[in-house]
């Protein structure tokens, strides 16, 4: 079968256009792969959970009888150890969980510091 003369340049142009479109889409168009989209969604969900649990952490801090001791320890602790103080106090342990949430402890200590 004989192809018309214009088919080869047309297919080359279509392939070049597809490549250019993909490059522009991924670099400037905001396109992402499925893996990147899943990572972004997981990160956003985790941040939303932490934001929703900060009031619970602050309520635990207010109702704890040892709050003044823990807050004094929090003030004296170095910046990198403050999260650990909140974790040890149990304020960053979500309901029905056995271990404290590190991100929640960080957000809670930041909220308590303000």
Protein backbone atom coordinates (compact mmCIF):
# COMPACT_ATOMS: atom_id res chain seq x y z
CA UNK A 1 0.00 0.00 0.00
CA UNK A 2 1.31 3.39 -1.00
CA UNK A 3 0.90 6.20 1.56
CA UNK A 4 0.42 9.76 0.39
CA UNK A 5 3.46 12.02 0.56
CA UNK A 6 1.98 14.26 3.26
CA UNK A 7 1.43 11.46 5.84
CA UNK A 8 5.04 11.26 7.04
CA UNK A 9 5.37 15.00 7.85
CA UNK A 10 1.89 15.01 9.41
CA UNK A 11 2.74 12.12 11.74
CA UNK A 12 6.06 13.78 12.62
CA UNK A 13 4.28 17.03 13.44
CA UNK A 14 1.68 15.21 15.54
CA UNK A 15 4.39 13.39 17.50
CA UNK A 16 6.36 16.60 18.01
CA UNK A 17 3.22 18.41 19.14
CA UNK A 18 2.37 15.64 21.60
CA UNK A 19 5.87 15.77 23.08
CA UNK A 20 5.76 19.57 23.35
CA UNK A 21 2.32 19.41 24.95
CA UNK A 22 3.52 16.85 27.52
CA UNK A 23 6.59 18.92 28.38
CA UNK A 24 4.55 22.10 28.82
CA UNK A 25 1.81 20.31 30.74
CA UNK A 26 4.13 18.70 33.29
CA UNK A 27 6.48 21.66 33.67
CA UNK A 28 4.10 24.63 33.64
CA UNK A 29 0.56 23.26 33.36
CA UNK A 30 0.37 21.66 36.77
CA UNK A 31 0.05 18.11 35.50
CA UNK A 32 1.29 15.44 37.91
CA UNK A 33 1.60 11.69 37.87
CA UNK A 34 -0.80 9.47 39.81
CA UNK A 35 1.88 8.81 42.44
CA UNK A 36 2.48 12.50 43.01
CA UNK A 37 -1.25 13.17 43.23
CA UNK A 38 -1.63 10.38 45.80
CA UNK A 39 1.25 11.79 47.87
CA UNK A 40 -0.28 15.27 47.75
CA UNK A 41 -3.69 13.92 48.80
CA UNK A 42 -2.21 11.95 51.69
CA UNK A 43 -0.27 14.96 52.92
CA UNK A 44 -3.34 17.19 52.75
CA UNK A 45 -5.44 14.61 54.60
CA UNK A 46 -2.84 14.25 57.36
CA UNK A 47 -2.63 18.03 57.76
CA UNK A 48 -6.43 18.25 57.99
CA UNK A 49 -6.53 15.57 60.68
CA UNK A 50 -3.87 17.36 62.71
CA UNK A 51 -5.72 20.67 62.38
CA UNK A 52 -8.94 19.01 63.53
CA UNK A 53 -7.24 17.42 66.57
CA UNK A 54 -5.39 20.49 67.86
CA UNK A 55 -8.45 21.71 69.84
CA UNK A 56 -8.63 18.26 71.49
CA UNK A 57 -4.97 18.54 72.46
CA UNK A 58 -5.51 22.02 73.90
CA UNK A 59 -8.55 20.79 75.83
CA UNK A 60 -6.48 17.98 77.31
CA UNK A 61 -3.84 20.51 78.30
CA UNK A 62 -6.43 22.65 80.09
CA UNK A 63 -8.01 19.73 81.93
CA UNK A 64 -4.77 18.05 83.00
CA UNK A 65 -4.06 18.54 86.73
CA UNK A 66 -0.33 18.54 85.95
CA UNK A 67 -0.70 21.21 83.27
CA UNK A 68 1.26 23.87 85.14
CA UNK A 69 4.20 21.49 85.61
CA UNK A 70 4.14 20.41 81.96
CA UNK A 71 3.82 24.00 80.71
CA UNK A 72 6.77 25.05 82.88
CA UNK A 73 8.77 22.15 81.48
CA UNK A 74 7.67 23.17 77.99
CA UNK A 75 8.96 26.72 78.51
CA UNK A 76 12.32 25.48 79.77
CA UNK A 77 12.77 22.86 77.05
CA UNK A 78 14.88 23.55 74.00
CA UNK A 79 12.95 24.10 70.78
CA UNK A 80 13.74 20.64 69.43
CA UNK A 81 12.58 18.92 72.64
CA UNK A 82 9.24 20.70 73.10
CA UNK A 83 7.34 18.23 70.96
CA UNK A 84 8.61 15.42 73.19
CA UNK A 85 7.28 17.18 76.30
CA UNK A 86 3.78 17.27 74.77
CA UNK A 87 4.06 13.62 73.73
CA UNK A 88 5.13 12.52 77.23
CA UNK A 89 2.24 14.44 78.80
CA UNK A 90 -0.13 12.40 76.62
CA UNK A 91 -1.83 15.42 75.15
CA UNK A 92 -0.94 14.46 71.57
CA UNK A 93 -2.31 10.94 71.76
CA UNK A 94 -5.53 10.79 69.73
CA UNK A 95 -8.55 8.94 71.08
CA UNK A 96 -8.28 5.14 70.65
CA UNK A 97 -4.59 5.38 69.79
CA UNK A 98 -1.71 3.94 71.77
CA UNK A 99 1.07 6.25 70.65
CA UNK A 100 1.19 10.03 70.31
CA UNK A 101 0.99 11.67 66.91
CA UNK A 102 4.21 13.58 66.19
CA UNK A 103 2.59 16.12 63.88
CA UNK A 104 -0.18 16.73 66.41
CA UNK A 105 2.38 17.21 69.19
CA UNK A 106 4.24 19.76 67.08
CA UNK A 107 1.05 21.67 66.20
CA UNK A 108 -0.14 21.54 69.82
CA UNK A 109 3.11 22.87 71.25
CA UNK A 110 3.05 25.68 68.69
CA UNK A 111 -0.52 26.52 69.71
CA UNK A 112 0.42 26.45 73.39
CA UNK A 113 3.42 28.70 72.79
CA UNK A 114 1.33 31.52 71.37
